[in-house]
Amino acid sequence: MIWELSLGSKHNWRCCVGLVALLLSACSTTPSSRYSMSQDAGPDRRVDLSQVEEPQPKREPLSRSGNKPYRVLGKKYYPMASADGFAEDGMASWYGRKFHGHTTSNGEVYDMYKMTAAHKTLPLPSFVRVTNKRNGRSIIVRVNDRGPFHGNRVIDLSYAAAHKLGYIGTGTAPVRIEALDLRQAPEVGRFLQLEAFQSKVNAEQFLAKAKRVLGSLPVFIQRSNTHQGPLHRVRVGPLDSNALQQALVQLDQADFKKPLVLPHNDV
């Protein structure tokens, strides 16, 4: 596995003592368990990956983090605004258990059993087809992280993705990377948060009121535990662009407080 440090991502604060010293405050909230592994590895038990599915390509807005210029090991990288027409050849590596459960560059959680990847400059997120030139196998992955920053490697695949391409044992493989044309792909839905209550009864009363205003749009209560106790969030979604605008107009006409439009990866 690679050694790297990527600005804008807790996932990528990787074992570089000098740089860690400069960014100590940013790393202070990062779990330290991954540093107990000197070398990366796959699962510590037998796992059936035959049912792991490729991601469904869709149009997503750029993530709020991970898309600004950043510097790693003295070199500055400039993420692309669009992946249209992108293609690249080079060596692919993979990362697994050492980083499983930690934050990626765009603020998501790395799951080595999902079909994802890290790239130095592709927009986060983006969808690419990766083909192993040695065996002809081809997969689709969703790029949501930065890296790799080691040698001539151009993409770092999740453990599951590398397994699908058949190079877990060798560690690296020559690949072809091609960005997918998403102009005809479905648009990812967004969620609105209308209100939040500690009281379940108050949340249910507000939910009923919101349903009367929004009609057939999907309104629901999401319950979560906080240090102050249960919190009941009244939300609507997922909504495409047209439905989102429709909901905002209906809520405004009914004198609701302006809702919060949630990030695409916040459900």
C-alpha atoms as a PDB file:
ATOM      1  CA  MET A   1       0.000   0.000   0.000  1.00  0.00           C
ATOM      2  CA  ILE A   2       1.079   3.573  -0.585  1.00  0.00           C
ATOM      3  CA  TRP A   3       2.359   6.205   1.826  1.00  0.00           C
ATOM      4  CA  GLU A   4       0.643   9.500   1.212  1.00  0.00           C
ATOM      5  CA  LEU A   5      -0.756  12.688   2.644  1.00  0.00           C
ATOM      6  CA  SER A   6      -3.625  14.478   0.936  1.00  0.00           C
ATOM      7  CA  LEU A   7      -4.800  17.931   2.025  1.00  0.00           C
ATOM      8  CA  GLY A   8      -8.561  18.141   2.522  1.00  0.00           C
ATOM      9  CA  SER A   9      -8.921  14.508   3.658  1.00  0.00           C
ATOM     10  CA  LYS A  10      -8.565  12.841   7.013  1.00  0.00           C
ATOM     11  CA  HIS A  11      -8.462   9.511   5.185  1.00  0.00           C
ATOM     12  CA  ASN A  12      -5.270  10.440   3.461  1.00  0.00           C
ATOM     13  CA  TRP A  13      -3.160  11.597   6.453  1.00  0.00           C
ATOM     14  CA  ARG A  14      -0.785   8.717   5.825  1.00  0.00           C
ATOM     15  CA  CYS A  15       2.328   8.199   7.919  1.00  0.00           C
ATOM     16  CA  CYS A  16       4.582  11.031   6.771  1.00  0.00           C
ATOM     17  CA  VAL A  17       6.120  12.330   9.990  1.00  0.00           C
ATOM     18  CA  GLY A  18       7.280  15.713   8.745  1.00  0.00           C
ATOM     19  CA  LEU A  19       3.952  16.587   7.151  1.00  0.00           C
ATOM     20  CA  VAL A  20       1.975  15.238  10.078  1.00  0.00           C
ATOM     21  CA  ALA A  21       3.847  17.636  12.330  1.00  0.00           C
ATOM     22  CA  LEU A  22       2.708  20.546  10.180  1.00  0.00           C
ATOM     23  CA  LEU A  23      -0.898  19.360  10.221  1.00  0.00           C
ATOM     24  CA  LEU A  24      -1.125  18.045  13.760  1.00  0.00           C
ATOM     25  CA  SER A  25      -4.295  19.914  14.609  1.00  0.00           C
ATOM     26  CA  ALA A  26      -6.078  18.570  11.532  1.00  0.00           C
ATOM     27  CA  CYS A  27      -5.127  15.021  12.473  1.00  0.00           C
ATOM     28  CA  SER A  28      -6.038  15.266  16.143  1.00  0.00           C
ATOM     29  CA  THR A  29      -9.587  14.027  15.595  1.00  0.00           C
ATOM     30  CA  THR A  30      -8.597  11.165  13.271  1.00  0.00           C
ATOM     31  CA  PRO A  31      -8.848   7.689  14.808  1.00  0.00           C
ATOM     32  CA  SER A  32      -5.371   6.271  15.368  1.00  0.00           C
ATOM     33  CA  SER A  33      -6.215   2.603  14.913  1.00  0.00           C
ATOM     34  CA  ARG A  34      -5.046   2.510  11.287  1.00  0.00           C
ATOM     35  CA  TYR A  35      -1.514   3.446  12.369  1.00  0.00           C
ATOM     36  CA  SER A  36      -1.295   0.164  14.258  1.00  0.00           C
ATOM     37  CA  MET A  37      -0.855  -1.498  10.836  1.00  0.00           C
ATOM     38  CA  SER A  38       2.582  -0.917   9.352  1.00  0.00           C
ATOM     39  CA  GLN A  39       1.469  -2.507   6.069  1.00  0.00           C
ATOM     40  CA  ASP A  40      -1.954  -2.501   4.453  1.00  0.00           C
ATOM     41  CA  ALA A  41      -3.801  -5.790   3.982  1.00  0.00           C
ATOM     42  CA  GLY A  42      -7.042  -7.317   2.862  1.00  0.00           C
ATOM     43  CA  PRO A  43      -9.786  -8.674   5.143  1.00  0.00           C
ATOM     44  CA  ASP A  44      -8.678 -10.723   8.141  1.00  0.00           C
ATOM     45  CA  ARG A  45     -11.308 -13.344   7.324  1.00  0.00           C
ATOM     46  CA  ARG A  46     -12.645 -15.055   4.231  1.00  0.00           C
ATOM     47  CA  VAL A  47     -15.140 -12.772   2.446  1.00  0.00           C
ATOM     48  CA  ASP A  48     -17.433 -13.608  -0.480  1.00  0.00           C
ATOM     49  CA  LEU A  49     -17.142 -10.718  -2.932  1.00  0.00           C
ATOM     50  CA  SER A  50     -19.081 -12.378  -5.741  1.00  0.00           C
ATOM     51  CA  GLN A  51     -22.223 -10.376  -4.920  1.00  0.00           C
ATOM     52  CA  VAL A  52     -20.520  -6.966  -4.774  1.00  0.00           C
ATOM     53  CA  GLU A  53     -22.142  -4.825  -7.450  1.00  0.00           C
ATOM     54  CA  GLU A  54     -20.683  -2.023  -9.494  1.00  0.00           C
ATOM     55  CA  PRO A  55     -22.019   1.476  -8.727  1.00  0.00           C
ATOM     56  CA  GLN A  56     -24.828   2.849 -10.866  1.00  0.00           C
ATOM     57  CA  PRO A  57     -23.385   5.846 -12.747  1.00  0.00           C
ATOM     58  CA  LYS A  58     -25.334   9.033 -12.045  1.00  0.00           C
ATOM     59  CA  ARG A  59     -24.857  12.760 -12.189  1.00  0.00           C
ATOM     60  CA  GLU A  60     -23.761  14.087  -8.810  1.00  0.00           C
ATOM     61  CA  PRO A  61     -22.737  17.579  -7.717  1.00  0.00           C
ATOM     62  CA  LEU A  62     -19.094  18.023  -6.783  1.00  0.00           C
ATOM     63  CA  SER A  63     -18.355  17.184  -3.174  1.00  0.00           C
ATOM     64  CA  ARG A  64     -17.857  20.092  -0.801  1.00  0.00           C
ATOM     65  CA  SER A  65     -14.387  18.805   0.088  1.00  0.00           C
ATOM     66  CA  GLY A  66     -11.606  17.223  -1.918  1.00  0.00           C
ATOM     67  CA  ASN A  67     -11.936  19.336  -5.062  1.00  0.00           C
ATOM     68  CA  LYS A  68      -9.575  22.215  -4.292  1.00  0.00           C
ATOM     69  CA  PRO A  69      -5.868  22.385  -5.181  1.00  0.00           C
ATOM     70  CA  TYR A  70      -3.692  20.594  -2.633  1.00  0.00           C
ATOM     71  CA  ARG A  71      -0.037  19.807  -2.052  1.00  0.00           C
ATOM     72  CA  VAL A  72       1.487  16.414  -1.233  1.00  0.00           C
ATOM     73  CA  LEU A  73       5.187  15.721  -0.695  1.00  0.00           C
ATOM     74  CA  GLY A  74       6.170  19.025  -2.287  1.00  0.00           C
ATOM     75  CA  LYS A  75       3.988  18.692  -5.377  1.00  0.00           C
ATOM     76  CA  LYS A  76       0.788  20.637  -6.003  1.00  0.00           C
ATOM     77  CA  TYR A  77      -2.231  19.005  -7.644  1.00  0.00           C
ATOM     78  CA  TYR A  78      -5.126  20.746  -9.375  1.00  0.00           C
ATOM     79  CA  PRO A  79      -8.364  18.685  -9.439  1.00  0.00           C
ATOM     80  CA  MET A  80     -10.315  18.825 -12.674  1.00  0.00           C
ATOM     81  CA  ALA A  81     -13.664  20.599 -12.858  1.00  0.00           C
ATOM     82  CA  SER A  82     -14.988  17.948 -15.253  1.00  0.00           C
ATOM     83  CA  ALA A  83     -14.034  14.397 -16.221  1.00  0.00           C
ATOM     84  CA  ASP A  84     -15.510  14.678 -19.737  1.00  0.00           C
ATOM     85  CA  GLY A  85     -13.322  12.859 -22.250  1.00  0.00           C
ATOM     86  CA  PHE A  86     -10.748  11.823 -19.641  1.00  0.00           C
ATOM     87  CA  ALA A  87      -8.629   8.737 -20.363  1.00  0.00           C
ATOM     88  CA  GLU A  88      -5.366   7.561 -18.826  1.00  0.00           C
ATOM     89  CA  ASP A  89      -3.016   4.566 -18.868  1.00  0.00           C
ATOM     90  CA  GLY A  90      -0.807   3.518 -15.987  1.00  0.00           C
ATOM     91  CA  MET A  91      -0.391   1.276 -12.977  1.00  0.00           C
ATOM     92  CA  ALA A  92      -3.174   0.627 -10.483  1.00  0.00           C
ATOM     93  CA  SER A  93      -2.672  -0.325  -6.842  1.00  0.00           C
ATOM     94  CA  TRP A  94      -5.219  -1.067  -4.098  1.00  0.00           C
ATOM     95  CA  TYR A  95      -5.923  -0.204  -0.468  1.00  0.00           C
ATOM     96  CA  GLY A  96      -7.823  -2.159   2.130  1.00  0.00           C
ATOM     97  CA  ARG A  97      -8.162  -2.884   5.843  1.00  0.00           C
ATOM     98  CA  LYS A  98      -5.705  -0.252   7.062  1.00  0.00           C
ATOM     99  CA  PHE A  99      -8.024   2.505   5.856  1.00  0.00           C
ATOM    100  CA  HIS A 100     -11.372   0.701   6.107  1.00  0.00           C
ATOM    101  CA  GLY A 101     -13.865   2.856   8.026  1.00  0.00           C
ATOM    102  CA  HIS A 102     -11.843   6.065   7.782  1.00  0.00           C
ATOM    103  CA  THR A 103     -12.787   9.261   5.993  1.00  0.00           C
ATOM    104  CA  THR A 104     -12.121   9.723   2.297  1.00  0.00           C
ATOM    105  CA  SER A 105     -11.095  12.982   0.659  1.00  0.00           C
ATOM    106  CA  ASN A 106     -14.677  13.970  -0.136  1.00  0.00           C
ATOM    107  CA  GLY A 107     -15.907  13.313   3.397  1.00  0.00           C
ATOM    108  CA  GLU A 108     -17.405   9.858   2.902  1.00  0.00           C
ATOM    109  CA  VAL A 109     -16.344   6.699   4.723  1.00  0.00           C
ATOM    110  CA  TYR A 110     -14.017   4.295   2.967  1.00  0.00           C
ATOM    111  CA  ASP A 111     -15.440   0.800   2.602  1.00  0.00           C
ATOM    112  CA  MET A 112     -13.025  -1.717   1.091  1.00  0.00           C
ATOM    113  CA  TYR A 113     -15.980  -3.893   0.065  1.00  0.00           C
ATOM    114  CA  LYS A 114     -17.430  -1.222  -2.241  1.00  0.00           C
ATOM    115  CA  MET A 115     -16.379  -0.420  -5.797  1.00  0.00           C
ATOM    116  CA  THR A 116     -14.536   2.855  -5.252  1.00  0.00           C
ATOM    117  CA  ALA A 117     -11.194   4.406  -6.117  1.00  0.00           C
ATOM    118  CA  ALA A 118      -8.726   7.188  -5.382  1.00  0.00           C
ATOM    119  CA  HIS A 119      -7.276   9.440  -8.091  1.00  0.00           C
ATOM    120  CA  LYS A 120      -5.069  12.505  -7.847  1.00  0.00           C
ATOM    121  CA  THR A 121      -7.084  14.921 -10.010  1.00  0.00           C
ATOM    122  CA  LEU A 122     -10.414  13.471 -11.180  1.00  0.00           C
ATOM    123  CA  PRO A 123     -13.458  15.347  -9.838  1.00  0.00           C
ATOM    124  CA  LEU A 124     -14.917  13.937  -6.633  1.00  0.00           C
ATOM    125  CA  PRO A 125     -17.123  12.094  -7.178  1.00  0.00           C
ATOM    126  CA  SER A 126     -16.811  10.745 -10.709  1.00  0.00           C
ATOM    127  CA  PHE A 127     -17.358   7.400 -12.417  1.00  0.00           C
ATOM    128  CA  VAL A 128     -14.727   5.652 -14.505  1.00  0.00           C
ATOM    129  CA  ARG A 129     -14.259   2.348 -16.277  1.00  0.00           C
ATOM    130  CA  VAL A 130     -11.003   0.602 -15.341  1.00  0.00           C
ATOM    131  CA  THR A 131      -9.655  -2.208 -17.532  1.00  0.00           C
ATOM    132  CA  ASN A 132      -6.876  -4.577 -16.489  1.00  0.00           C
ATOM    133  CA  LYS A 133      -4.615  -4.807 -19.539  1.00  0.00           C
ATOM    134  CA  ARG A 134      -3.190  -8.146 -18.423  1.00  0.00           C
ATOM    135  CA  ASN A 135      -6.447 -10.083 -18.401  1.00  0.00           C
ATOM    136  CA  GLY A 136      -8.981  -7.819 -20.141  1.00  0.00           C
ATOM    137  CA  ARG A 137     -11.278  -7.593 -17.121  1.00  0.00           C
ATOM    138  CA  SER A 138     -13.196  -4.320 -16.862  1.00  0.00           C
ATOM    139  CA  ILE A 139     -15.164  -2.698 -14.031  1.00  0.00           C
ATOM    140  CA  ILE A 140     -16.873   0.593 -13.141  1.00  0.00           C
ATOM    141  CA  VAL A 141     -15.833   2.388  -9.965  1.00  0.00           C
ATOM    142  CA  ARG A 142     -16.840   5.606  -8.234  1.00  0.00           C
ATOM    143  CA  VAL A 143     -13.893   7.899  -7.484  1.00  0.00           C
ATOM    144  CA  ASN A 144     -14.285   9.473  -4.032  1.00  0.00           C
ATOM    145  CA  ASP A 145     -10.727   9.804  -2.721  1.00  0.00           C
ATOM    146  CA  ARG A 146      -7.290  11.265  -3.517  1.00  0.00           C
ATOM    147  CA  GLY A 147      -4.139   9.297  -4.325  1.00  0.00           C
ATOM    148  CA  PRO A 148      -2.044   7.330  -5.035  1.00  0.00           C
ATOM    149  CA  PHE A 149       1.164   9.305  -4.543  1.00  0.00           C
ATOM    150  CA  HIS A 150       3.671   6.491  -4.919  1.00  0.00           C
ATOM    151  CA  GLY A 151       5.831   5.951  -7.988  1.00  0.00           C
ATOM    152  CA  ASN A 152       4.039   5.725 -11.308  1.00  0.00           C
ATOM    153  CA  ARG A 153       0.657   4.596  -9.954  1.00  0.00           C
ATOM    154  CA  VAL A 154      -2.298   6.443 -11.422  1.00  0.00           C
ATOM    155  CA  ILE A 155      -5.257   5.001  -9.494  1.00  0.00           C
ATOM    156  CA  ASP A 156      -5.813   3.261  -6.165  1.00  0.00           C
ATOM    157  CA  LEU A 157      -8.749   0.839  -6.179  1.00  0.00           C
ATOM    158  CA  SER A 158     -10.660  -0.493  -3.222  1.00  0.00           C
ATOM    159  CA  TYR A 159      -9.946  -4.084  -2.193  1.00  0.00           C
ATOM    160  CA  ALA A 160     -13.206  -5.266  -3.779  1.00  0.00           C
ATOM    161  CA  ALA A 161     -12.504  -3.467  -7.063  1.00  0.00           C
ATOM    162  CA  ALA A 162      -8.959  -4.831  -7.274  1.00  0.00           C
ATOM    163  CA  HIS A 163     -10.306  -8.303  -6.537  1.00  0.00           C
ATOM    164  CA  LYS A 164     -12.748  -7.974  -9.440  1.00  0.00           C
ATOM    165  CA  LEU A 165      -9.864  -7.001 -11.733  1.00  0.00           C
ATOM    166  CA  GLY A 166      -7.787  -9.942 -10.511  1.00  0.00           C
ATOM    167  CA  TYR A 167      -4.642  -8.308  -9.160  1.00  0.00           C
ATOM    168  CA  ILE A 168      -4.919  -8.643  -5.372  1.00  0.00           C
ATOM    169  CA  GLY A 169      -2.035 -11.078  -5.341  1.00  0.00           C
ATOM    170  CA  THR A 170       0.347  -8.981  -7.441  1.00  0.00           C
ATOM    171  CA  GLY A 171      -0.541  -5.678  -5.743  1.00  0.00           C
ATOM    172  CA  THR A 172      -0.475  -3.662  -8.970  1.00  0.00           C
ATOM    173  CA  ALA A 173      -1.618  -4.015 -12.578  1.00  0.00           C
ATOM    174  CA  PRO A 174      -1.391  -1.993 -15.801  1.00  0.00           C
ATOM    175  CA  VAL A 175      -4.785  -0.436 -16.471  1.00  0.00           C
ATOM    176  CA  ARG A 176      -6.734   1.812 -18.812  1.00  0.00           C
ATOM    177  CA  ILE A 177      -8.950   4.437 -17.130  1.00  0.00           C
ATOM    178  CA  GLU A 178     -11.856   5.996 -19.034  1.00  0.00           C
ATOM    179  CA  ALA A 179     -14.323   8.510 -17.627  1.00  0.00           C
ATOM    180  CA  LEU A 180     -17.967   7.646 -18.271  1.00  0.00           C
ATOM    181  CA  ASP A 181     -20.210  10.015 -20.198  1.00  0.00           C
ATOM    182  CA  LEU A 182     -22.884  10.945 -17.642  1.00  0.00           C
ATOM    183  CA  ARG A 183     -24.906  13.307 -19.816  1.00  0.00           C
ATOM    184  CA  GLN A 184     -27.641  10.681 -20.173  1.00  0.00           C
ATOM    185  CA  ALA A 185     -27.266   9.271 -16.664  1.00  0.00           C
ATOM    186  CA  PRO A 186     -29.970   9.871 -14.042  1.00  0.00           C
ATOM    187  CA  GLU A 187     -29.521  12.745 -11.661  1.00  0.00           C
ATOM    188  CA  VAL A 188     -28.919  11.846  -8.028  1.00  0.00           C
ATOM    189  CA  GLY A 189     -31.686  12.880  -5.668  1.00  0.00           C
ATOM    190  CA  ARG A 190     -31.280  15.516  -2.960  1.00  0.00           C
ATOM    191  CA  PHE A 191     -32.890  15.773   0.465  1.00  0.00           C
ATOM    192  CA  LEU A 192     -34.404  18.733   2.307  1.00  0.00           C
ATOM    193  CA  GLN A 193     -34.410  18.982   6.076  1.00  0.00           C
ATOM    194  CA  LEU A 194     -37.527  20.827   7.165  1.00  0.00           C
ATOM    195  CA  GLU A 195     -37.116  20.828  10.940  1.00  0.00           C
ATOM    196  CA  ALA A 196     -35.591  18.896  13.857  1.00  0.00           C
ATOM    197  CA  PHE A 197     -37.169  18.051  17.206  1.00  0.00           C
ATOM    198  CA  GLN A 198     -36.124  16.307  20.384  1.00  0.00           C
ATOM    199  CA  SER A 199     -39.763  15.398  20.949  1.00  0.00           C
ATOM    200  CA  LYS A 200     -41.057  12.530  18.819  1.00  0.00           C
ATOM    201  CA  VAL A 201     -44.631  13.810  19.255  1.00  0.00           C
ATOM    202  CA  ASN A 202     -43.725  17.273  17.968  1.00  0.00           C
ATOM    203  CA  ALA A 203     -41.878  15.741  15.015  1.00  0.00           C
ATOM    204  CA  GLU A 204     -44.886  13.611  14.101  1.00  0.00           C
ATOM    205  CA  GLN A 205     -47.203  16.630  14.306  1.00  0.00           C
ATOM    206  CA  PHE A 206     -44.897  18.628  12.058  1.00  0.00           C
ATOM    207  CA  LEU A 207     -44.616  15.655   9.682  1.00  0.00           C
ATOM    208  CA  ALA A 208     -48.390  15.561   9.269  1.00  0.00           C
ATOM    209  CA  LYS A 209     -48.448  19.281   8.504  1.00  0.00           C
ATOM    210  CA  ALA A 210     -45.642  18.951   5.952  1.00  0.00           C
ATOM    211  CA  LYS A 211     -47.399  16.059   4.201  1.00  0.00           C
ATOM    212  CA  ARG A 212     -50.536  18.181   3.778  1.00  0.00           C
ATOM    213  CA  VAL A 213     -48.430  20.835   2.030  1.00  0.00           C
ATOM    214  CA  LEU A 214     -46.163  18.580  -0.045  1.00  0.00           C
ATOM    215  CA  GLY A 215     -48.759  16.031  -1.117  1.00  0.00           C
ATOM    216  CA  SER A 216     -47.168  12.954  -2.699  1.00  0.00           C
ATOM    217  CA  LEU A 217     -43.551  14.008  -2.110  1.00  0.00           C
ATOM    218  CA  PRO A 218     -41.729  11.574   0.251  1.00  0.00           C
ATOM    219  CA  VAL A 219     -41.645  13.148   3.720  1.00  0.00           C
ATOM    220  CA  PHE A 220     -40.231  11.129   6.621  1.00  0.00           C
ATOM    221  CA  ILE A 221     -38.676  11.309  10.082  1.00  0.00           C
ATOM    222  CA  GLN A 222     -35.041  10.314  10.558  1.00  0.00           C
ATOM    223  CA  ARG A 223     -34.151   9.524  14.159  1.00  0.00           C
ATOM    224  CA  SER A 224     -30.596   9.776  15.458  1.00  0.00           C
ATOM    225  CA  ASN A 225     -28.943   9.774  18.875  1.00  0.00           C
ATOM    226  CA  THR A 226     -26.984  12.801  20.052  1.00  0.00           C
ATOM    227  CA  HIS A 227     -25.214  13.680  23.302  1.00  0.00           C
ATOM    228  CA  GLN A 228     -28.393  15.570  24.244  1.00  0.00           C
ATOM    229  CA  GLY A 229     -30.623  12.594  23.518  1.00  0.00           C
ATOM    230  CA  PRO A 230     -32.713  11.469  20.527  1.00  0.00           C
ATOM    231  CA  LEU A 231     -33.176  13.922  17.657  1.00  0.00           C
ATOM    232  CA  HIS A 232     -36.006  13.570  15.152  1.00  0.00           C
ATOM    233  CA  ARG A 233     -35.299  15.215  11.797  1.00  0.00           C
ATOM    234  CA  VAL A 234     -38.187  15.820   9.415  1.00  0.00           C
ATOM    235  CA  ARG A 235     -36.910  15.417   5.862  1.00  0.00           C
ATOM    236  CA  VAL A 236     -38.215  15.098   2.312  1.00  0.00           C
ATOM    237  CA  GLY A 237     -36.507  13.265  -0.546  1.00  0.00           C
ATOM    238  CA  PRO A 238     -34.823  12.065  -2.569  1.00  0.00           C
ATOM    239  CA  LEU A 239     -35.860  14.752  -5.057  1.00  0.00           C
ATOM    240  CA  ASP A 240     -34.617  15.486  -8.555  1.00  0.00           C
ATOM    241  CA  SER A 241     -34.054  19.107  -9.596  1.00  0.00           C
ATOM    242  CA  ASN A 242     -37.659  19.722 -10.648  1.00  0.00           C
ATOM    243  CA  ALA A 243     -39.164  18.131  -7.534  1.00  0.00           C
ATOM    244  CA  LEU A 244     -36.701  20.028  -5.339  1.00  0.00           C
ATOM    245  CA  GLN A 245     -37.774  23.370  -6.774  1.00  0.00           C
ATOM    246  CA  GLN A 246     -41.430  22.353  -6.512  1.00  0.00           C
ATOM    247  CA  ALA A 247     -41.007  21.523  -2.826  1.00  0.00           C
ATOM    248  CA  LEU A 248     -39.216  24.806  -2.092  1.00  0.00           C
ATOM    249  CA  VAL A 249     -42.031  26.806  -3.728  1.00  0.00           C
ATOM    250  CA  GLN A 250     -44.772  24.882  -1.902  1.00  0.00           C
ATOM    251  CA  LEU A 251     -43.065  25.292   1.463  1.00  0.00           C
ATOM    252  CA  ASP A 252     -42.514  29.009   0.909  1.00  0.00           C
ATOM    253  CA  GLN A 253     -46.152  29.544  -0.089  1.00  0.00           C
ATOM    254  CA  ALA A 254     -47.244  27.746   3.073  1.00  0.00           C
ATOM    255  CA  ASP A 255     -45.003  30.022   5.181  1.00  0.00           C
ATOM    256  CA  PHE A 256     -42.657  27.234   6.291  1.00  0.00           C
ATOM    257  CA  LYS A 257     -39.197  28.189   7.446  1.00  0.00           C
ATOM    258  CA  LYS A 258     -36.674  27.904   4.603  1.00  0.00           C
ATOM    259  CA  PRO A 259     -35.500  24.264   4.610  1.00  0.00           C
ATOM    260  CA  LEU A 260     -31.908  23.092   4.580  1.00  0.00           C
ATOM    261  CA  VAL A 261     -30.777  21.548   1.281  1.00  0.00           C
ATOM    262  CA  LEU A 262     -28.587  18.635   2.338  1.00  0.00           C
ATOM    263  CA  PRO A 263     -25.352  17.601   0.620  1.00  0.00           C
ATOM    264  CA  HIS A 264     -25.834  14.827  -1.937  1.00  0.00           C
ATOM    265  CA  ASN A 265     -24.176  12.254   0.344  1.00  0.00           C
ATOM    266  CA  ASP A 266     -26.202  13.193   3.442  1.00  0.00           C
ATOM    267  CA  VAL A 267     -29.351  11.067   3.583  1.00  0.00           C
END
